[in-house]
Amino acid sequence: MFSLGSSHKFFLYDSFCDMRKSFEGLCGLVISVMQRQPTSGEVFVFLNRTRTHIKLLYWEPGGFVLYYKRLEQGTFAASDLNKGELSWSNLVLMIEGIQVVKSIQKKRYSLT
């Protein structure tokens, strides 16, 4: 079951990752390159060079969870990052293969 949601913090690894890495290799990248703790409850996102594979590393009580998706065609879109941090909505768009070219948010008016 996919147990991630908007309450989690997501961090994108800022380089490309060898997708042969498993839990220990990805934890090593989190500690040495990203300067974070893999058991912090944050979610770490890794892409391969061609952006056709994505891995999400997450610590939950009881152990690590590794989510892995490989695209049959197309690539995962690179999103705008805030110092490596990725929002839940941008992650969902990236995983679903949706790329936002232009976004306009209209002001809401209340009739009270």
Protein backbone atom coordinates (compact mmCIF):
# COMPACT_ATOMS: atom_id res chain seq x y z
CA MET A 1 0.00 0.00 0.00
CA PHE A 2 1.28 3.46 -0.90
CA SER A 3 1.52 5.12 2.52
CA LEU A 4 2.91 8.49 1.50
CA GLY A 5 1.00 11.75 1.55
CA SER A 6 1.18 15.50 1.71
CA SER A 7 2.26 15.41 5.37
CA HIS A 8 5.69 14.03 4.38
CA LYS A 9 8.73 16.02 3.26
CA PHE A 10 10.22 14.98 -0.09
CA PHE A 11 13.80 15.57 -1.18
CA LEU A 12 15.06 15.01 -4.71
CA TYR A 13 18.63 13.80 -5.11
CA ASP A 14 20.26 16.54 -7.21
CA SER A 15 22.27 14.21 -9.45
CA PHE A 16 21.52 11.03 -11.34
CA CYS A 17 21.45 7.74 -9.47
CA ASP A 18 22.50 4.23 -10.41
CA MET A 19 19.21 2.32 -10.19
CA ARG A 20 21.06 -0.87 -9.18
CA LYS A 21 21.44 0.68 -5.71
CA SER A 22 19.18 -0.76 -3.06
CA PHE A 23 18.48 0.27 0.53
CA GLU A 24 22.09 0.47 1.77
CA GLY A 25 23.43 2.26 -1.33
CA LEU A 26 20.63 4.82 -1.32
CA CYS A 27 21.04 5.38 2.43
CA GLY A 28 24.73 6.05 1.77
CA LEU A 29 23.81 8.75 -0.76
CA VAL A 30 21.33 10.31 1.65
CA ILE A 31 23.93 10.51 4.42
CA SER A 32 27.06 11.44 2.45
CA VAL A 33 25.71 13.61 -0.38
CA MET A 34 22.37 14.96 0.82
CA GLN A 35 23.59 15.42 4.43
CA ARG A 36 20.33 14.05 5.87
CA GLN A 37 19.33 11.05 7.97
CA PRO A 38 17.51 8.27 6.09
CA THR A 39 15.58 7.27 9.24
CA SER A 40 14.16 10.77 9.74
CA GLY A 41 10.78 9.95 8.16
CA GLU A 42 11.52 12.11 5.13
CA VAL A 43 11.14 10.66 1.64
CA PHE A 44 14.11 10.68 -0.72
CA VAL A 45 13.55 10.64 -4.48
CA PHE A 46 16.11 9.34 -6.99
CA LEU A 47 16.08 9.46 -10.80
CA ASN A 48 18.34 7.69 -13.29
CA ARG A 49 20.29 9.52 -16.00
CA THR A 50 17.62 9.08 -18.70
CA ARG A 51 14.82 9.92 -16.20
CA THR A 52 12.92 6.75 -17.07
CA HIS A 53 13.25 5.18 -13.58
CA ILE A 54 12.35 6.65 -10.20
CA LYS A 55 12.92 5.33 -6.68
CA LEU A 56 11.51 6.67 -3.43
CA LEU A 57 13.22 5.69 -0.17
CA TYR A 58 11.20 6.04 3.02
CA TRP A 59 11.69 4.89 6.60
CA GLU A 60 8.56 3.81 8.42
CA PRO A 61 8.34 2.09 11.80
CA GLY A 62 9.67 -1.41 11.22
CA GLY A 63 11.99 -0.71 8.31
CA PHE A 64 12.69 0.92 4.98
CA VAL A 65 10.23 1.00 2.09
CA LEU A 66 11.45 1.38 -1.48
CA TYR A 67 9.00 2.47 -4.17
CA TYR A 68 10.21 1.92 -7.73
CA LYS A 69 8.64 2.88 -11.05
CA ARG A 70 9.94 2.33 -14.57
CA LEU A 71 8.32 4.09 -17.50
CA GLU A 72 7.62 2.16 -20.68
CA GLN A 73 7.82 5.37 -22.72
CA GLY A 74 8.57 9.01 -22.02
CA THR A 75 10.53 10.51 -19.13
CA PHE A 76 9.86 11.92 -15.69
CA ALA A 77 9.68 15.70 -15.96
CA ALA A 78 12.20 17.73 -14.04
CA SER A 79 10.34 20.05 -11.71
CA ASP A 80 11.20 23.35 -10.08
CA LEU A 81 13.07 22.68 -6.87
CA ASN A 82 13.45 24.59 -3.66
CA LYS A 83 16.93 23.52 -2.47
CA GLY A 84 16.18 19.91 -3.35
CA GLU A 85 12.82 19.89 -1.61
CA LEU A 86 9.90 18.63 -3.66
CA SER A 87 6.25 19.31 -2.88
CA TRP A 88 3.71 16.48 -2.70
CA SER A 89 1.77 17.89 -5.65
CA ASN A 90 4.92 18.15 -7.81
CA LEU A 91 5.88 14.59 -6.90
CA VAL A 92 2.45 13.25 -7.85
CA LEU A 93 2.56 15.15 -11.15
CA MET A 94 6.05 13.81 -11.83
CA ILE A 95 5.09 10.19 -11.07
CA GLU A 96 1.95 10.44 -13.20
CA GLY A 97 3.90 11.94 -16.10
CA ILE A 98 2.16 15.30 -16.09
CA GLN A 99 4.26 18.35 -16.87
CA VAL A 100 2.85 21.77 -16.01
CA VAL A 101 3.99 24.28 -18.61
CA LYS A 102 2.15 27.29 -17.26
CA SER A 103 0.05 27.67 -14.15
CA ILE A 104 -2.14 30.65 -13.34
CA GLN A 105 -3.84 30.84 -9.97
CA LYS A 106 -6.88 33.06 -9.93
CA LYS A 107 -7.83 35.08 -6.90
CA ARG A 108 -10.80 33.68 -5.01
CA TYR A 109 -13.66 35.94 -4.14
CA SER A 110 -16.11 35.26 -1.35
CA LEU A 111 -19.69 36.47 -1.49
CA THR A 112 -20.19 36.99 2.23
